[in-house]
Amino acid sequence: MKLATAPSRIALALTALLTLVAARGEASPQVFTGTGAAGVATAIAAFEAAIGGSNNGGGAPAHSGFRVINWDAVALDGTDFAGRSKVIVPGAVVGIPVDRFDARGVTFAEVYAVAGDGFASVNPSIAGQFPAFSPAKTFAMFNEPSIELSLNVPGNSLTPAANRGFGVVFIDVERSHSSSLELLRGTESLGKYYAPVGGNGQPSFIGVLLDEATVTHVEVVPGDAQVFNFENGVVSANGSDNPGAGHDLAVTDDFIYPEPLADLTAPCVPSDSILCLDDQTGDHRVRTTVKFSTVQGGGKSGVGQAIDLTSLGVNHGGLFWFFGASNPEVLVKIVNACSVNDNYWIYASAGTNVGFTLSLVDTELGHQAIYSNPDLTEALPIQDSDTELTCN
């Protein structure tokens, strides 16, 4: 029998690899890029066409289509989102609550900033450098160099979701590999992609589409550093734009992404509004979140802010506050009672008469337990030993 030559052996191996990939359904991601206003518009149109369906806006959950966030509806005078936005510069820059775009299936890891002046009021050195792609507002982080978000069922931040990809318009990318988009399932990277260089003041777009709805989290990095810092009510610019010295400042505009679909097995990643409680130490198995609403104080609502207690050695429980970090409202914990009645027991105590809904999701088995307290009602303790969080 004639032995295969080295080139033919390589060809056979490549054929076998491609056959295996096809059998597993591991097709390459579709990547869409564009620069300049016309190029970005063309790339976005192609990205949306590849997703299929229509723009679902802020409507009810759907089975197909896509969502768009362009920031332009965010008010800059302190009235936005029932007055829950944090004014950084009056009339120019605000920090938005993490659930500001919950209706579009996105929960941010922490407060990020929307600007109507291209962030010139917080960093005068970049005045005129970040013109909006879709006028007139843009988006960026402060105090740190990345924007992180998790996907949820649109209008329901208590229920995690996944989708097939994400697309971002960046403004003023002037250095290769300075701005990126990373798709993740929990903390596992599904791929990191770099925005193309658009040039001074110009938009650029990167959009990535996978075959399956496996994306649960996204990290967006605009530029090499944040545009500004905001600590204890004081704004400070974070240097000037100097791409040649590795200081390429950039911001974002439109986010475009496929419809987020419910995924109770989406891994838990801690954030300002999400507690990840452990079954076994460090496994972050139970995603725990709270939403509240009350007519008191003129009417207030939002998501509970998490107080992680792992630094104190407490990893099976934690706290949430509603109105101030020094005033916790809800204590919640889980107990592994699988050997007793094949359940995880749930205990919670709330020192409040505010209406709230508490959700615990077992991200390993995809089970969800939900508890509610009516507004203007003193919350009773939750002591549930026959929960939805069963052990198998």
Protein backbone atom coordinates (compact mmCIF):
# COMPACT_ATOMS: atom_id res chain seq x y z
CA MET A 1 0.00 0.00 0.00
CA LYS A 2 1.34 3.43 -0.86
CA LEU A 3 1.83 5.70 2.15
CA ALA A 4 0.38 9.21 2.00
CA THR A 5 2.88 11.98 1.41
CA ALA A 6 3.24 14.71 4.04
CA PRO A 7 1.05 17.21 2.14
CA SER A 8 -1.65 14.61 1.55
CA ARG A 9 -1.54 13.58 5.22
CA ILE A 10 -2.07 17.22 6.16
CA ALA A 11 -4.97 17.43 3.71
CA LEU A 12 -6.53 14.28 5.15
CA ALA A 13 -6.13 15.60 8.69
CA LEU A 14 -7.70 18.94 7.70
CA THR A 15 -10.59 17.14 6.01
CA ALA A 16 -11.13 15.04 9.14
CA LEU A 17 -11.05 18.16 11.33
CA LEU A 18 -13.56 20.00 9.16
CA THR A 19 -15.82 16.94 9.16
CA LEU A 20 -15.65 16.76 12.97
CA VAL A 21 -16.40 20.48 13.30
CA ALA A 22 -19.36 20.18 10.94
CA ALA A 23 -20.64 17.13 12.83
CA ARG A 24 -20.50 19.10 16.07
CA GLY A 25 -22.16 22.13 14.51
CA GLU A 26 -19.16 24.29 15.41
CA ALA A 27 -19.40 26.70 12.51
CA SER A 28 -17.18 29.77 12.54
CA PRO A 29 -18.74 32.93 13.97
CA GLN A 30 -19.99 35.49 11.49
CA VAL A 31 -18.10 38.74 11.98
CA PHE A 32 -19.33 42.07 10.63
CA THR A 33 -17.18 45.21 10.53
CA GLY A 34 -17.39 48.69 9.09
CA THR A 35 -15.80 52.13 9.46
CA GLY A 36 -17.00 55.62 8.71
CA ALA A 37 -20.68 56.57 8.81
CA ALA A 38 -21.58 54.82 5.55
CA GLY A 39 -19.49 51.74 6.27
CA VAL A 40 -20.94 51.34 9.76
CA ALA A 41 -24.50 51.73 8.50
CA THR A 42 -23.87 49.05 5.86
CA ALA A 43 -22.31 46.68 8.41
CA ILE A 44 -25.20 47.16 10.85
CA ALA A 45 -27.75 46.47 8.11
CA ALA A 46 -25.93 43.25 7.21
CA PHE A 47 -25.68 42.24 10.88
CA GLU A 48 -29.40 42.80 11.47
CA ALA A 49 -30.28 40.92 8.29
CA ALA A 50 -28.16 37.96 9.42
CA ILE A 51 -29.92 37.93 12.79
CA GLY A 52 -33.29 38.01 11.05
CA GLY A 53 -36.63 39.31 12.21
CA SER A 54 -37.45 42.83 13.28
CA ASN A 55 -36.34 45.40 15.85
CA ASN A 56 -38.24 44.46 19.02
CA GLY A 57 -37.47 47.82 20.68
CA GLY A 58 -38.54 47.83 24.30
CA GLY A 59 -41.46 45.49 23.70
CA ALA A 60 -42.44 42.19 25.29
CA PRO A 61 -40.16 39.14 25.05
CA ALA A 62 -40.02 37.64 21.57
CA HIS A 63 -38.70 34.46 20.01
CA SER A 64 -36.70 36.14 17.25
CA GLY A 65 -35.51 39.50 16.02
CA PHE A 66 -33.12 41.90 17.72
CA ARG A 67 -32.84 44.80 20.14
CA VAL A 68 -31.10 48.16 19.81
CA ILE A 69 -29.89 50.58 22.48
CA ASN A 70 -28.87 54.02 21.22
CA TRP A 71 -28.94 55.99 24.53
CA ASP A 72 -30.87 58.89 23.03
CA ALA A 73 -33.93 58.47 25.25
CA VAL A 74 -31.84 58.93 28.42
CA ALA A 75 -32.68 62.30 30.01
CA LEU A 76 -29.70 64.27 31.32
CA ASP A 77 -31.49 66.49 33.86
CA GLY A 78 -31.98 64.02 36.71
CA THR A 79 -35.51 63.01 35.72
CA ASP A 80 -34.54 59.92 33.75
CA PHE A 81 -35.91 56.52 34.79
CA ALA A 82 -38.13 57.98 37.54
CA GLY A 83 -35.25 60.11 38.79
CA ARG A 84 -32.98 57.14 39.42
CA SER A 85 -30.11 58.30 37.20
CA LYS A 86 -27.12 59.87 38.94
CA VAL A 87 -26.36 63.36 37.64
CA ILE A 88 -22.62 63.76 37.05
CA VAL A 89 -22.71 67.05 35.12
CA PRO A 90 -26.17 68.69 35.02
CA GLY A 91 -27.65 68.62 31.55
CA ALA A 92 -24.60 66.86 30.09
CA VAL A 93 -23.64 63.55 31.74
CA VAL A 94 -25.53 61.06 33.92
CA GLY A 95 -24.81 57.65 35.38
CA ILE A 96 -27.62 55.24 34.54
CA PRO A 97 -28.98 52.55 36.90
CA VAL A 98 -27.86 49.01 36.11
CA ASP A 99 -31.41 48.07 35.08
CA ARG A 100 -32.02 51.14 32.90
CA PHE A 101 -32.34 48.88 29.83
CA ASP A 102 -33.88 45.88 31.55
CA ALA A 103 -36.81 46.23 29.11
CA ARG A 104 -34.34 45.50 26.29
CA GLY A 105 -32.83 42.48 28.01
CA VAL A 106 -29.64 44.03 29.39
CA THR A 107 -28.47 44.47 32.99
CA PHE A 108 -25.19 46.31 33.48
CA ALA A 109 -22.65 45.14 36.06
CA GLU A 110 -22.50 48.65 37.54
CA VAL A 111 -23.40 52.26 36.85
CA TYR A 112 -22.06 53.60 33.53
CA ALA A 113 -22.38 57.02 31.90
CA VAL A 114 -24.44 58.56 29.10
CA ALA A 115 -23.38 61.95 27.70
CA GLY A 116 -25.01 64.49 25.44
CA ASP A 117 -21.85 66.54 24.90
CA GLY A 118 -19.42 63.84 23.82
CA PHE A 119 -18.07 63.77 27.40
CA ALA A 120 -16.42 67.17 26.90
CA SER A 121 -17.69 68.43 30.27
CA VAL A 122 -15.86 65.64 32.14
CA ASN A 123 -12.72 65.72 30.00
CA PRO A 124 -12.31 69.03 28.12
CA SER A 125 -9.24 67.74 26.27
CA ILE A 126 -11.43 65.51 24.08
CA ALA A 127 -14.05 68.15 23.18
CA GLY A 128 -15.50 67.42 19.74
CA GLN A 129 -13.70 64.10 19.48
CA PHE A 130 -16.67 61.78 20.10
CA PRO A 131 -19.55 62.82 17.82
CA ALA A 132 -22.49 60.44 18.15
CA PHE A 133 -23.15 57.98 15.33
CA SER A 134 -26.91 58.14 16.01
CA PRO A 135 -27.34 61.63 17.48
CA ALA A 136 -27.05 62.80 20.00
CA LYS A 137 -25.82 60.72 22.96
CA THR A 138 -22.94 58.35 23.60
CA PHE A 139 -22.01 55.82 26.29
CA ALA A 140 -18.87 55.04 28.30
CA MET A 141 -17.59 53.72 31.59
CA PHE A 142 -15.82 55.70 34.30
CA ASN A 143 -13.28 54.76 37.01
CA GLU A 144 -12.35 51.56 35.13
CA PRO A 145 -11.64 50.50 31.54
CA SER A 146 -14.50 48.15 30.62
CA ILE A 147 -18.27 47.89 30.30
CA GLU A 148 -19.77 44.60 31.47
CA LEU A 149 -23.33 43.39 31.09
CA SER A 150 -25.47 40.30 31.49
CA LEU A 151 -28.48 39.31 29.43
CA ASN A 152 -31.94 38.82 30.91
CA VAL A 153 -35.43 38.18 29.60
CA PRO A 154 -36.57 41.61 28.35
CA GLY A 155 -38.51 43.33 31.11
CA ASN A 156 -37.53 40.71 33.69
CA SER A 157 -34.05 41.11 35.18
CA LEU A 158 -34.85 38.25 37.61
CA THR A 159 -34.61 35.68 34.81
CA PRO A 160 -31.26 35.18 33.03
CA ALA A 161 -31.07 34.83 29.27
CA ALA A 162 -28.71 34.02 26.43
CA ASN A 163 -28.46 35.05 22.79
CA ARG A 164 -26.38 34.50 19.66
CA GLY A 165 -24.10 37.52 19.67
CA PHE A 166 -23.60 41.25 19.99
CA GLY A 167 -22.64 44.33 17.99
CA VAL A 168 -21.18 47.66 19.10
CA VAL A 169 -20.55 51.02 17.45
CA PHE A 170 -17.33 52.55 18.76
CA ILE A 171 -16.35 56.18 18.32
CA ASP A 172 -12.77 57.36 17.69
CA VAL A 173 -10.85 54.09 17.63
CA GLU A 174 -7.40 55.21 16.47
CA ARG A 175 -5.17 52.30 17.45
CA SER A 176 -5.40 48.65 16.45
CA HIS A 177 -6.46 46.34 19.31
CA SER A 178 -7.35 49.22 21.63
CA SER A 179 -11.11 48.54 21.58
CA SER A 180 -12.75 45.16 21.85
CA LEU A 181 -15.92 43.12 22.19
CA GLU A 182 -15.81 39.84 24.11
CA LEU A 183 -18.66 37.32 24.17
CA LEU A 184 -18.89 35.11 27.22
CA ARG A 185 -20.89 32.32 28.76
CA GLY A 186 -20.53 33.25 32.40
CA THR A 187 -16.79 33.88 32.69
CA GLU A 188 -15.86 31.50 29.84
CA SER A 189 -14.81 33.42 26.75
CA LEU A 190 -16.57 32.53 23.50
CA GLY A 191 -14.26 34.84 21.58
CA LYS A 192 -12.71 38.30 21.77
CA TYR A 193 -12.94 40.56 18.73
CA TYR A 194 -11.28 43.91 18.06
CA ALA A 195 -12.99 46.94 16.61
CA PRO A 196 -11.49 48.21 13.34
CA VAL A 197 -9.64 51.49 13.39
CA GLY A 198 -12.08 54.19 12.35
CA GLY A 199 -9.82 57.20 12.77
CA ASN A 200 -10.14 60.52 14.52
CA GLY A 201 -13.76 61.19 15.49
CA GLN A 202 -15.08 58.46 13.19
CA PRO A 203 -17.36 55.51 14.04
CA SER A 204 -16.40 51.87 13.65
CA PHE A 205 -18.46 48.72 14.12
CA ILE A 206 -17.82 45.15 15.20
CA GLY A 207 -20.65 42.63 15.35
CA VAL A 208 -20.36 38.90 15.98
CA LEU A 209 -23.04 36.28 15.43
CA LEU A 210 -22.87 32.66 16.63
CA ASP A 211 -25.00 29.73 15.54
CA GLU A 212 -26.44 29.02 18.98
CA ALA A 213 -27.81 31.17 21.83
CA THR A 214 -24.89 30.60 24.19
CA VAL A 215 -23.89 34.19 25.03
CA THR A 216 -24.92 35.21 28.56
CA HIS A 217 -22.47 38.04 29.28
CA VAL A 218 -20.64 40.66 27.21
CA GLU A 219 -17.59 42.80 27.92
CA VAL A 220 -17.00 45.93 25.86
CA VAL A 221 -13.69 47.80 26.10
CA PRO A 222 -13.68 51.23 24.42
CA GLY A 223 -10.08 52.39 24.13
CA ASP A 224 -7.07 51.86 26.36
CA ALA A 225 -8.51 53.71 29.36
CA GLN A 226 -11.61 55.38 30.73
CA VAL A 227 -12.39 58.94 29.66
CA PHE A 228 -12.94 60.22 33.21
CA ASN A 229 -13.18 59.34 36.90
CA PHE A 230 -15.99 60.16 39.31
CA GLU A 231 -15.32 59.62 43.00
CA ASN A 232 -17.25 61.05 45.96
CA GLY A 233 -19.07 63.46 43.69
CA VAL A 234 -15.86 64.82 42.14
CA VAL A 235 -15.15 64.56 38.40
CA SER A 236 -11.59 64.29 37.09
CA ALA A 237 -10.41 63.84 33.50
CA ASN A 238 -8.37 60.71 32.82
CA GLY A 239 -5.75 62.24 30.55
CA SER A 240 -5.91 63.22 26.91
CA ASP A 241 -6.14 61.12 23.78
CA ASN A 242 -2.67 60.05 22.63
CA PRO A 243 -2.84 56.86 20.53
CA GLY A 244 0.88 56.98 19.72
CA ALA A 245 1.65 56.66 23.43
CA GLY A 246 -0.88 53.86 23.95
CA HIS A 247 -3.60 56.11 25.35
CA ASP A 248 -6.38 55.78 22.78
CA LEU A 249 -9.58 57.13 24.35
CA ALA A 250 -12.84 55.95 22.80
CA VAL A 251 -16.55 55.68 23.65
CA THR A 252 -19.49 53.69 22.30
CA ASP A 253 -22.76 54.43 20.62
CA ASP A 254 -25.35 51.91 19.44
CA PHE A 255 -25.57 48.37 20.82
CA ILE A 256 -27.34 45.88 18.50
CA TYR A 257 -27.92 42.25 19.52
CA PRO A 258 -30.17 39.24 18.91
CA GLU A 259 -33.21 38.75 21.16
CA PRO A 260 -32.20 37.42 24.61
CA LEU A 261 -33.97 34.11 25.33
CA ALA A 262 -34.59 32.67 28.79
CA ASP A 263 -31.71 30.46 29.95
CA LEU A 264 -31.93 29.29 33.55
CA THR A 265 -28.58 27.52 33.19
CA ALA A 266 -26.76 30.76 32.39
CA PRO A 267 -23.76 30.81 34.77
CA CYS A 268 -23.93 33.33 37.60
CA VAL A 269 -21.45 36.21 37.58
CA PRO A 270 -21.55 38.59 40.58
CA SER A 271 -22.37 42.24 39.92
CA ASP A 272 -23.86 45.25 41.67
CA SER A 273 -27.30 43.62 41.51
CA ILE A 274 -26.53 39.88 41.40
CA LEU A 275 -25.47 37.65 44.29
CA CYS A 276 -23.98 34.28 43.40
CA LEU A 277 -24.54 31.94 46.35
CA ASP A 278 -22.49 28.76 46.68
CA ASP A 279 -23.48 25.17 47.13
CA GLN A 280 -19.87 24.01 47.12
CA THR A 281 -17.41 26.79 47.95
CA GLY A 282 -16.75 28.96 44.92
CA ASP A 283 -19.20 27.30 42.54
CA HIS A 284 -21.53 30.36 42.32
CA ARG A 285 -24.39 27.96 41.69
CA VAL A 286 -27.42 29.99 42.78
CA ARG A 287 -28.12 33.31 41.02
CA THR A 288 -29.97 35.55 43.49
CA THR A 289 -31.69 38.83 42.57
CA VAL A 290 -34.38 41.16 43.93
CA LYS A 291 -36.70 43.75 42.40
CA PHE A 292 -38.64 46.21 44.56
CA SER A 293 -41.46 48.68 44.11
CA THR A 294 -43.32 50.91 46.55
CA VAL A 295 -45.74 53.83 46.52
CA GLN A 296 -43.93 55.26 49.53
CA GLY A 297 -41.77 58.35 49.15
CA GLY A 298 -43.65 59.40 46.04
CA GLY A 299 -43.13 55.99 44.43
CA LYS A 300 -39.82 54.17 44.08
CA SER A 301 -38.72 51.03 42.30
CA GLY A 302 -35.60 49.27 41.12
CA VAL A 303 -33.34 46.30 41.63
CA GLY A 304 -31.82 45.37 44.96
CA GLN A 305 -28.13 46.15 45.29
CA ALA A 306 -26.08 43.15 46.36
CA ILE A 307 -23.89 43.01 49.47
CA ASP A 308 -21.54 40.07 48.99
CA LEU A 309 -20.41 38.53 52.28
CA THR A 310 -17.77 36.11 51.01
CA SER A 311 -15.00 38.31 52.43
CA LEU A 312 -16.47 37.46 55.84
CA GLY A 313 -16.49 33.75 55.04
CA VAL A 314 -20.23 33.74 54.28
CA ASN A 315 -20.74 32.12 50.87
CA HIS A 316 -24.17 30.50 51.25
CA GLY A 317 -25.96 33.80 51.86
CA GLY A 318 -25.88 37.54 51.37
CA LEU A 319 -27.75 40.84 51.65
CA PHE A 320 -29.54 43.35 49.43
CA TRP A 321 -30.22 47.04 49.97
CA PHE A 322 -32.84 49.19 48.21
CA PHE A 323 -32.27 52.81 49.20
CA GLY A 324 -28.82 52.99 50.80
CA ALA A 325 -25.86 50.66 51.31
CA SER A 326 -25.92 51.24 55.08
CA ASN A 327 -29.54 50.08 55.27
CA PRO A 328 -29.84 46.43 54.11
CA GLU A 329 -33.38 45.27 53.43
CA VAL A 330 -33.16 41.53 52.68
CA LEU A 331 -31.03 38.69 54.03
CA VAL A 332 -31.16 35.45 52.04
CA LYS A 333 -29.41 32.11 52.40
CA ILE A 334 -29.56 28.56 51.01
CA VAL A 335 -29.04 25.23 52.79
CA ASN A 336 -28.12 22.00 51.01
CA ALA A 337 -30.66 19.51 52.41
CA CYS A 338 -30.33 17.01 49.55
CA SER A 339 -29.74 14.17 52.01
CA VAL A 340 -32.89 15.09 53.94
CA ASN A 341 -35.63 15.69 51.36
CA ASP A 342 -33.84 16.17 48.04
CA ASN A 343 -34.15 19.96 48.26
CA TYR A 344 -32.18 23.12 48.76
CA TRP A 345 -33.85 24.96 51.61
CA ILE A 346 -34.31 28.71 51.24
CA TYR A 347 -34.45 31.15 54.13
CA ALA A 348 -34.91 34.90 53.87
CA SER A 349 -35.63 37.69 56.29
CA ALA A 350 -36.63 41.19 55.21
CA GLY A 351 -36.76 44.16 57.55
CA THR A 352 -39.09 46.15 55.32
CA ASN A 353 -42.68 46.83 54.28
CA VAL A 354 -41.63 47.58 50.72
CA GLY A 355 -43.00 45.38 47.96
CA PHE A 356 -40.37 43.09 46.49
CA THR A 357 -39.83 39.92 44.47
CA LEU A 358 -36.93 37.62 45.29
CA SER A 359 -35.59 35.15 42.71
CA LEU A 360 -33.16 32.27 43.19
CA VAL A 361 -32.02 30.30 40.14
CA ASP A 362 -30.13 27.01 40.37
CA THR A 363 -27.90 27.53 37.33
CA GLU A 364 -26.77 23.90 37.27
CA LEU A 365 -30.21 22.29 36.97
CA GLY A 366 -32.15 25.29 35.63
CA HIS A 367 -34.66 25.57 38.48
CA GLN A 368 -36.08 28.90 39.71
CA ALA A 369 -37.76 29.80 43.00
CA ILE A 370 -39.65 33.12 43.31
CA TYR A 371 -41.03 34.78 46.45
CA SER A 372 -42.99 38.02 46.68
CA ASN A 373 -44.00 40.49 49.36
CA PRO A 374 -46.87 42.97 48.70
CA ASP A 375 -46.12 46.66 49.06
CA LEU A 376 -47.05 48.31 52.39
CA THR A 377 -46.92 44.90 54.08
CA GLU A 378 -44.45 43.91 56.76
CA ALA A 379 -42.44 41.10 55.20
CA LEU A 380 -42.77 37.72 56.84
CA PRO A 381 -39.76 35.40 57.06
CA ILE A 382 -39.32 32.91 54.23
CA GLN A 383 -38.64 29.40 55.55
CA ASP A 384 -39.10 27.08 52.61
CA SER A 385 -37.92 23.47 52.90
CA ASP A 386 -39.99 22.27 49.93
CA THR A 387 -38.62 24.58 47.26
CA GLU A 388 -38.45 24.69 43.47
CA LEU A 389 -34.70 24.20 43.88
CA THR A 390 -34.69 20.41 43.97
CA CYS A 391 -31.45 18.43 43.98
CA ASN A 392 -32.08 16.52 40.75
